[in-house]
């Protein structure tokens, strides 16, 4: 499946619009508190691809010319980083003793494949309602991100930058950060979720997700929902989490069940920050649920950052996604190493510079390499 076209590789990928937006406008309308905000970003990225280009087996080789450099040895794009551009609208109220709320996010991309194609495909990643009470917990109904991988991508330093500068996804979409080379994308699902009240720093979440097809057409969803569950603890300067997910798929054979577990943590030690996240399971997919069939896989992300000044943060992150089964030209692993500088120019604008190296390796030992540069900025309003 490495011969998959760039268009198909990008299909189904829509990257994170975080809930950390500092809303530009807050106002009241009757019983409702309303908020409007969003973010805009653009990066000049240049990628150069080298090494083996014989990936003809299963799996998505991010560093290959086909995906990494758009079929060429080198590639230049001026487009989004790991985040799209987005407009977010929030509403909240207290009614009959309940906290009620809603959130809607609409995203769009910067780049397009040619000078006349549109880039205004509407990318609605969030559209949900919430209902909660301090002694009961909270319920969420609608479309939102999954929990498996959410803490990893929110804490990934490349969320404000680009990470892996994969041409196939950045043109008309976004770059990949460490998706496919460190963690599987968290996805967005129609869902019904319940989160407990905080109990001494512990919270638990159980969610039923609308079952999804594999993004690359490998398998279709079964008729039972995807289930995700998470337990996390937030302490003074650190956070720990454990997450699991499961879904049945049907394919040309007997089908398979995707199942995965995730353990991770983040901590701050003065000006230093650390992040470790491990995912392991069957059918997790390189980029998204089930895209590599029922193969077993592990994903690991390690990151360290240092706050040099009040405005400047430096960071180094390494991610690997390794498939445990296969042979010959099948993909064995993708790795990405990114070094970045993130300078907060104003309260709203962060200027970013990153250097990255992505490698893809087959079971036979063939290796493709992609070197990437990303320079640009992101604005929150």
Protein backbone atom coordinates (compact mmCIF):
# COMPACT_ATOMS: atom_id res chain seq x y z
CA UNK A 1 0.00 0.00 0.00
CA UNK A 2 3.02 2.28 -0.12
CA UNK A 3 2.13 2.95 -3.75
CA UNK A 4 -0.96 4.77 -2.52
CA UNK A 5 -1.37 8.16 -4.18
CA UNK A 6 -0.66 11.37 -2.32
CA UNK A 7 -4.31 12.37 -2.63
CA UNK A 8 -5.47 9.16 -0.97
CA UNK A 9 -2.83 9.44 1.71
CA UNK A 10 -4.17 12.88 2.59
CA UNK A 11 -7.80 11.77 2.52
CA UNK A 12 -9.35 11.60 5.94
CA UNK A 13 -6.52 13.54 7.60
CA UNK A 14 -7.55 16.66 9.43
CA UNK A 15 -5.25 17.85 12.16
CA UNK A 16 -5.78 19.27 15.54
CA UNK A 17 -7.55 22.49 16.41
CA UNK A 18 -6.80 22.73 20.12
CA UNK A 19 -9.17 23.89 22.80
CA UNK A 20 -6.52 26.31 24.10
CA UNK A 21 -7.69 29.26 22.00
CA UNK A 22 -7.63 32.59 23.86
CA UNK A 23 -10.93 33.96 22.63
CA UNK A 24 -10.75 37.40 21.06
CA UNK A 25 -14.31 38.35 21.98
CA UNK A 26 -16.56 37.44 24.89
CA UNK A 27 -20.06 38.80 25.21
CA UNK A 28 -23.42 38.02 26.79
CA UNK A 29 -26.70 37.35 25.03
CA UNK A 30 -29.58 36.68 27.39
CA UNK A 31 -28.70 33.67 29.55
CA UNK A 32 -25.69 32.78 27.36
CA UNK A 33 -22.01 33.69 27.58
CA UNK A 34 -20.68 33.61 24.02
CA UNK A 35 -17.07 33.54 22.80
CA UNK A 36 -15.45 33.88 19.38
CA UNK A 37 -11.79 33.23 18.55
CA UNK A 38 -9.46 31.21 16.38
CA UNK A 39 -5.98 30.92 14.92
CA UNK A 40 -4.10 31.46 11.66
CA UNK A 41 -0.72 30.05 10.69
CA UNK A 42 1.53 29.69 7.65
CA UNK A 43 4.93 28.06 7.15
CA UNK A 44 7.50 27.97 4.38
CA UNK A 45 8.56 24.33 4.26
CA UNK A 46 11.26 22.77 2.12
CA UNK A 47 11.82 19.02 1.99
CA UNK A 48 14.48 16.91 0.29
CA UNK A 49 14.04 13.14 -0.12
CA UNK A 50 16.80 10.57 -0.67
CA UNK A 51 17.62 6.92 -0.18
CA UNK A 52 15.63 3.86 -1.19
CA UNK A 53 12.37 4.44 -3.03
CA UNK A 54 11.28 0.79 -3.34
CA UNK A 55 8.43 0.88 -0.86
CA UNK A 56 5.91 -1.29 -2.65
CA UNK A 57 4.56 -3.32 0.27
CA UNK A 58 2.12 -2.42 3.03
CA UNK A 59 2.29 0.67 5.23
CA UNK A 60 2.72 4.42 4.65
CA UNK A 61 6.38 5.44 4.27
CA UNK A 62 6.31 9.12 5.21
CA UNK A 63 9.89 9.82 4.07
CA UNK A 64 9.49 8.37 0.57
CA UNK A 65 9.43 10.63 -2.46
CA UNK A 66 5.83 9.60 -3.16
CA UNK A 67 4.54 11.03 0.11
CA UNK A 68 7.30 13.17 1.60
CA UNK A 69 8.26 15.16 -1.50
CA UNK A 70 5.23 14.86 -3.76
CA UNK A 71 6.89 12.38 -6.12
CA UNK A 72 10.06 14.48 -6.52
CA UNK A 73 13.48 14.66 -4.89
CA UNK A 74 12.69 18.10 -3.43
CA UNK A 75 9.51 19.94 -2.48
CA UNK A 76 8.50 23.45 -1.39
CA UNK A 77 5.13 24.40 0.10
CA UNK A 78 3.86 27.55 1.78
CA UNK A 79 0.96 26.24 3.81
CA UNK A 80 -0.27 25.27 7.24
CA UNK A 81 1.85 23.60 9.87
CA UNK A 82 0.37 20.89 12.10
CA UNK A 83 -2.65 23.12 12.78
CA UNK A 84 -5.09 24.37 10.13
CA UNK A 85 -6.60 27.86 10.18
CA UNK A 86 -9.73 27.87 12.30
CA UNK A 87 -12.64 29.90 13.62
CA UNK A 88 -14.07 28.71 16.94
CA UNK A 89 -17.34 29.68 18.60
CA UNK A 90 -18.30 28.74 22.16
CA UNK A 91 -21.43 29.16 24.27
CA UNK A 92 -22.15 28.37 27.91
CA UNK A 93 -24.93 28.92 30.40
CA UNK A 94 -26.20 27.63 33.74
CA UNK A 95 -29.76 26.39 33.67
CA UNK A 96 -31.73 24.56 36.39
CA UNK A 97 -28.52 23.81 38.27
CA UNK A 98 -26.74 22.40 35.22
CA UNK A 99 -23.77 23.83 33.30
CA UNK A 100 -24.62 23.61 29.60
CA UNK A 101 -22.39 24.52 26.69
CA UNK A 102 -21.58 24.11 23.02
CA UNK A 103 -18.53 24.44 20.81
CA UNK A 104 -18.09 24.69 17.04
CA UNK A 105 -14.81 24.79 15.09
CA UNK A 106 -14.55 25.40 11.34
CA UNK A 107 -11.16 24.98 9.72
CA UNK A 108 -9.56 25.73 6.34
CA UNK A 109 -6.16 25.29 4.67
CA UNK A 110 -3.60 27.78 3.29
CA UNK A 111 -2.12 25.93 0.32
CA UNK A 112 -3.68 24.35 -2.75
CA UNK A 113 -2.23 22.07 -5.41
CA UNK A 114 -2.51 24.60 -8.25
CA UNK A 115 -3.29 28.28 -8.85
CA UNK A 116 -7.01 27.91 -9.56
CA UNK A 117 -8.15 25.06 -7.30
CA UNK A 118 -10.09 26.10 -4.21
CA UNK A 119 -8.70 25.55 -0.74
CA UNK A 120 -11.94 26.28 1.09
CA UNK A 121 -13.06 22.73 1.82
CA UNK A 122 -14.93 23.13 5.09
CA UNK A 123 -13.17 21.20 7.85
CA UNK A 124 -15.53 20.91 10.81
CA UNK A 125 -13.67 19.08 13.56
CA UNK A 126 -15.75 20.06 16.54
CA UNK A 127 -19.48 20.50 16.94
CA UNK A 128 -20.72 19.28 20.30
CA UNK A 129 -22.82 20.08 23.35
CA UNK A 130 -21.92 19.56 27.01
CA UNK A 131 -24.02 19.05 30.11
CA UNK A 132 -22.52 18.83 33.57
CA UNK A 133 -22.60 19.45 37.28
CA UNK A 134 -19.75 19.54 39.80
CA UNK A 135 -21.09 16.60 41.80
CA UNK A 136 -22.12 14.52 38.77
CA UNK A 137 -19.44 15.05 36.14
CA UNK A 138 -19.97 16.07 32.53
CA UNK A 139 -21.53 14.57 29.41
CA UNK A 140 -20.52 15.42 25.85
CA UNK A 141 -22.57 14.68 22.72
CA UNK A 142 -21.52 15.51 19.17
CA UNK A 143 -18.37 15.59 17.07
CA UNK A 144 -15.01 16.03 18.80
CA UNK A 145 -11.49 14.63 19.04
CA UNK A 146 -10.77 11.18 20.40
CA UNK A 147 -8.99 10.67 23.72
CA UNK A 148 -6.41 8.14 22.51
CA UNK A 149 -3.38 10.29 21.58
CA UNK A 150 -4.93 13.59 22.67
CA UNK A 151 -2.49 14.35 25.48
CA UNK A 152 0.47 13.48 23.25
CA UNK A 153 -0.46 15.81 20.40
CA UNK A 154 -1.54 18.66 22.69
CA UNK A 155 1.84 18.51 24.46
CA UNK A 156 3.83 18.02 21.23
CA UNK A 157 5.97 21.13 20.68
CA UNK A 158 5.42 20.82 16.90
CA UNK A 159 1.72 21.60 17.43
CA UNK A 160 2.75 25.25 17.03
CA UNK A 161 5.03 24.36 14.11
CA UNK A 162 5.25 21.66 11.45
CA UNK A 163 7.20 18.56 12.52
CA UNK A 164 7.34 16.10 9.60
CA UNK A 165 6.98 18.25 6.45
CA UNK A 166 5.06 15.68 4.41
CA UNK A 167 4.04 17.17 1.05
CA UNK A 168 1.14 14.77 0.52
CA UNK A 169 -0.75 16.10 3.52
CA UNK A 170 0.40 19.74 3.62
CA UNK A 171 -0.91 20.62 0.15
CA UNK A 172 -4.59 21.37 0.80
CA UNK A 173 -4.21 20.19 4.41
CA UNK A 174 -1.48 20.29 7.06
CA UNK A 175 1.89 18.79 8.03
CA UNK A 176 2.08 15.76 10.32
CA UNK A 177 4.03 16.75 13.44
CA UNK A 178 4.77 13.28 14.85
CA UNK A 179 1.65 11.62 13.44
CA UNK A 180 2.76 8.35 11.88
CA UNK A 181 6.18 8.76 13.51
CA UNK A 182 5.53 8.82 17.25
CA UNK A 183 1.77 8.47 17.65
CA UNK A 184 -1.36 7.65 15.69
CA UNK A 185 -3.66 10.58 14.97
CA UNK A 186 -6.29 11.07 17.67
CA UNK A 187 -9.11 11.39 15.12
CA UNK A 188 -12.47 13.14 15.35
CA UNK A 189 -15.63 11.15 15.90
CA UNK A 190 -19.31 11.45 16.51
CA UNK A 191 -19.41 10.51 20.17
CA UNK A 192 -21.15 10.30 23.51
CA UNK A 193 -18.71 10.70 26.41
CA UNK A 194 -18.89 10.91 30.19
CA UNK A 195 -16.14 12.37 32.41
CA UNK A 196 -16.20 11.98 36.18
CA UNK A 197 -15.72 14.86 38.61
CA UNK A 198 -12.13 15.34 39.75
CA UNK A 199 -11.36 13.02 42.66
CA UNK A 200 -8.14 14.18 44.29
CA UNK A 201 -6.68 14.99 40.89
CA UNK A 202 -7.98 11.83 39.19
CA UNK A 203 -10.55 11.92 36.39
CA UNK A 204 -11.96 9.12 34.28
CA UNK A 205 -13.64 9.23 30.89
CA UNK A 206 -15.67 6.64 29.00
CA UNK A 207 -16.80 7.33 25.43
CA UNK A 208 -18.74 5.60 22.68
CA UNK A 209 -17.51 6.70 19.24
CA UNK A 210 -19.26 6.31 15.91
CA UNK A 211 -17.31 3.46 14.21
CA UNK A 212 -15.09 4.64 11.34
CA UNK A 213 -13.70 3.08 8.18
CA UNK A 214 -9.93 2.84 7.77
CA UNK A 215 -8.77 6.06 6.05
CA UNK A 216 -6.95 4.23 3.24
CA UNK A 217 -9.79 1.87 2.38
CA UNK A 218 -8.20 -1.19 4.02
CA UNK A 219 -11.29 -2.11 6.00
CA UNK A 220 -14.80 -0.93 6.79
CA UNK A 221 -16.38 -0.29 10.15
CA UNK A 222 -18.35 -3.03 11.83
CA UNK A 223 -21.82 -2.34 13.27
CA UNK A 224 -20.64 -1.81 16.85
CA UNK A 225 -19.31 1.49 18.25
CA UNK A 226 -15.68 2.25 18.94
CA UNK A 227 -15.00 2.45 22.67
CA UNK A 228 -12.39 4.70 24.27
CA UNK A 229 -11.59 5.08 27.96
CA UNK A 230 -9.09 7.23 29.83
CA UNK A 231 -7.83 7.68 33.38
CA UNK A 232 -5.60 10.64 34.15
CA UNK A 233 -4.06 12.39 37.12
CA UNK A 234 -3.04 16.05 37.24
CA UNK A 235 -0.62 17.06 39.98
CA UNK A 236 1.58 20.03 40.75
CA UNK A 237 3.62 20.51 37.56
CA UNK A 238 2.97 17.05 36.11
CA UNK A 239 0.31 14.96 34.46
CA UNK A 240 -0.07 11.19 33.97
CA UNK A 241 -2.53 9.32 31.76
CA UNK A 242 -3.59 5.91 30.57
CA UNK A 243 -5.94 5.41 27.61
CA UNK A 244 -7.42 2.51 25.66
CA UNK A 245 -9.53 2.08 22.54
CA UNK A 246 -11.17 -0.74 20.63
CA UNK A 247 -13.19 -1.14 17.43
CA UNK A 248 -14.18 -4.01 15.14
CA UNK A 249 -13.43 -3.80 11.41
CA UNK A 250 -14.66 -5.97 8.55
CA UNK A 251 -12.59 -6.65 5.41
CA UNK A 252 -12.34 -9.22 2.63
CA UNK A 253 -11.43 -11.87 5.22
CA UNK A 254 -12.77 -12.46 8.70
CA UNK A 255 -12.18 -8.87 9.75
CA UNK A 256 -10.19 -7.81 12.80
CA UNK A 257 -10.47 -5.89 16.04
CA UNK A 258 -8.38 -2.78 16.57
CA UNK A 259 -7.25 -2.57 20.19
CA UNK A 260 -4.64 -0.32 21.78
CA UNK A 261 -3.34 1.00 25.08
CA UNK A 262 -1.49 4.23 25.79
CA UNK A 263 0.59 5.33 28.77
CA UNK A 264 2.16 8.76 29.08
CA UNK A 265 3.19 11.66 31.22
CA UNK A 266 4.43 15.23 31.07
CA UNK A 267 6.28 17.23 33.71
CA UNK A 268 7.86 20.64 34.22
CA UNK A 269 11.08 21.08 36.21
CA UNK A 270 11.59 24.82 36.38
CA UNK A 271 12.41 25.88 32.82
CA UNK A 272 12.70 22.28 31.60
CA UNK A 273 9.80 20.25 30.24
CA UNK A 274 9.61 16.52 29.53
CA UNK A 275 7.08 14.40 27.67
CA UNK A 276 6.92 10.61 27.25
CA UNK A 277 4.10 8.79 25.47
CA UNK A 278 3.85 5.12 24.49
CA UNK A 279 1.12 3.49 22.41
CA UNK A 280 0.90 -0.23 21.65
CA UNK A 281 -1.72 -2.39 20.03
CA UNK A 282 -3.14 -4.10 16.97
CA UNK A 283 -4.73 -2.29 14.04
CA UNK A 284 -3.83 1.20 15.33
CA UNK A 285 -2.76 2.29 11.85
CA UNK A 286 0.24 4.35 10.83
CA UNK A 287 -1.75 7.57 10.50
CA UNK A 288 -5.27 6.66 11.54
CA UNK A 289 -7.48 3.80 12.75
CA UNK A 290 -6.92 0.54 10.87
CA UNK A 291 -5.00 1.93 7.86
CA UNK A 292 -2.43 -0.90 8.09
CA UNK A 293 -4.92 -3.66 8.76
CA UNK A 294 -4.56 -5.81 11.87
CA UNK A 295 -0.78 -5.48 12.17
CA UNK A 296 0.70 -5.03 15.64
CA UNK A 297 2.40 -1.69 16.25
CA UNK A 298 4.14 0.46 18.87
CA UNK A 299 4.48 4.25 18.88
CA UNK A 300 6.87 6.16 21.12
CA UNK A 301 7.32 9.92 21.57
CA UNK A 302 10.10 11.49 23.66
CA UNK A 303 10.46 15.27 24.03
CA UNK A 304 12.49 17.78 25.99
CA UNK A 305 12.08 21.56 26.02
CA UNK A 306 13.90 24.45 27.68
CA UNK A 307 12.51 27.93 28.29
CA UNK A 308 15.59 30.06 27.52
CA UNK A 309 13.90 33.40 28.14
CA UNK A 310 10.33 34.49 28.85
CA UNK A 311 9.73 34.55 25.09
CA UNK A 312 12.04 31.86 23.66
CA UNK A 313 11.60 28.11 24.01
CA UNK A 314 13.90 25.50 22.46
CA UNK A 315 12.92 21.88 22.04
CA UNK A 316 13.99 18.51 20.69
CA UNK A 317 11.51 15.71 20.03
CA UNK A 318 11.90 12.19 18.68
CA UNK A 319 9.13 9.85 17.61
CA UNK A 320 8.99 6.34 16.20
CA UNK A 321 6.13 4.24 14.90
CA UNK A 322 7.16 0.60 14.45
CA UNK A 323 5.17 -2.23 12.88
CA UNK A 324 5.96 -5.62 14.38
CA UNK A 325 4.94 -7.87 11.49
CA UNK A 326 5.84 -7.89 7.81
CA UNK A 327 8.56 -8.82 5.33
CA UNK A 328 10.54 -7.51 2.36
CA UNK A 329 9.35 -4.12 1.16
CA UNK A 330 6.64 -3.79 3.83
CA UNK A 331 7.10 -0.74 6.05
CA UNK A 332 8.83 -1.53 9.34
CA UNK A 333 8.99 1.94 10.90
CA UNK A 334 8.82 5.71 10.49
CA UNK A 335 10.95 7.94 12.71
CA UNK A 336 11.07 11.71 13.03
CA UNK A 337 13.54 13.92 14.88
CA UNK A 338 12.65 17.61 15.12
CA UNK A 339 14.56 20.47 16.68
CA UNK A 340 12.69 23.74 17.07
CA UNK A 341 12.84 27.31 18.32
CA UNK A 342 9.56 28.98 19.33
CA UNK A 343 9.64 32.71 20.04
CA UNK A 344 6.60 34.47 21.47
CA UNK A 345 6.83 37.78 19.64
CA UNK A 346 3.60 39.14 21.13
CA UNK A 347 0.83 37.75 23.34
CA UNK A 348 -0.85 36.48 20.15
CA UNK A 349 2.00 35.69 17.73
CA UNK A 350 4.63 32.94 17.98
CA UNK A 351 7.43 32.81 15.40
CA UNK A 352 8.73 29.30 14.69
CA UNK A 353 11.80 27.74 13.09
CA UNK A 354 12.27 23.95 12.86
CA UNK A 355 14.68 21.44 11.35
CA UNK A 356 13.50 17.86 10.99
CA UNK A 357 14.64 14.50 9.69
CA UNK A 358 12.16 11.74 8.87
CA UNK A 359 13.19 8.19 8.00
CA UNK A 360 11.19 5.22 6.75
CA UNK A 361 12.59 1.68 6.75
CA UNK A 362 11.38 -1.62 5.30
CA UNK A 363 11.79 -5.06 6.85
CA UNK A 364 14.43 -5.74 4.19
CA UNK A 365 16.46 -2.79 5.47
CA UNK A 366 15.76 -0.31 2.65
CA UNK A 367 15.64 3.23 4.01
CA UNK A 368 14.23 6.53 2.74
CA UNK A 369 15.15 9.88 4.28
CA UNK A 370 13.44 13.27 4.21
CA UNK A 371 15.11 16.40 5.57
CA UNK A 372 12.76 19.28 6.28
CA UNK A 373 12.93 22.98 7.13
CA UNK A 374 9.94 24.98 8.38
CA UNK A 375 9.87 28.73 9.03
CA UNK A 376 6.75 30.74 9.81
CA UNK A 377 4.39 31.94 12.51
CA UNK A 378 1.09 31.24 14.21
CA UNK A 379 -1.41 33.78 15.55
CA UNK A 380 -4.14 33.11 18.12
CA UNK A 381 -7.02 35.56 18.47
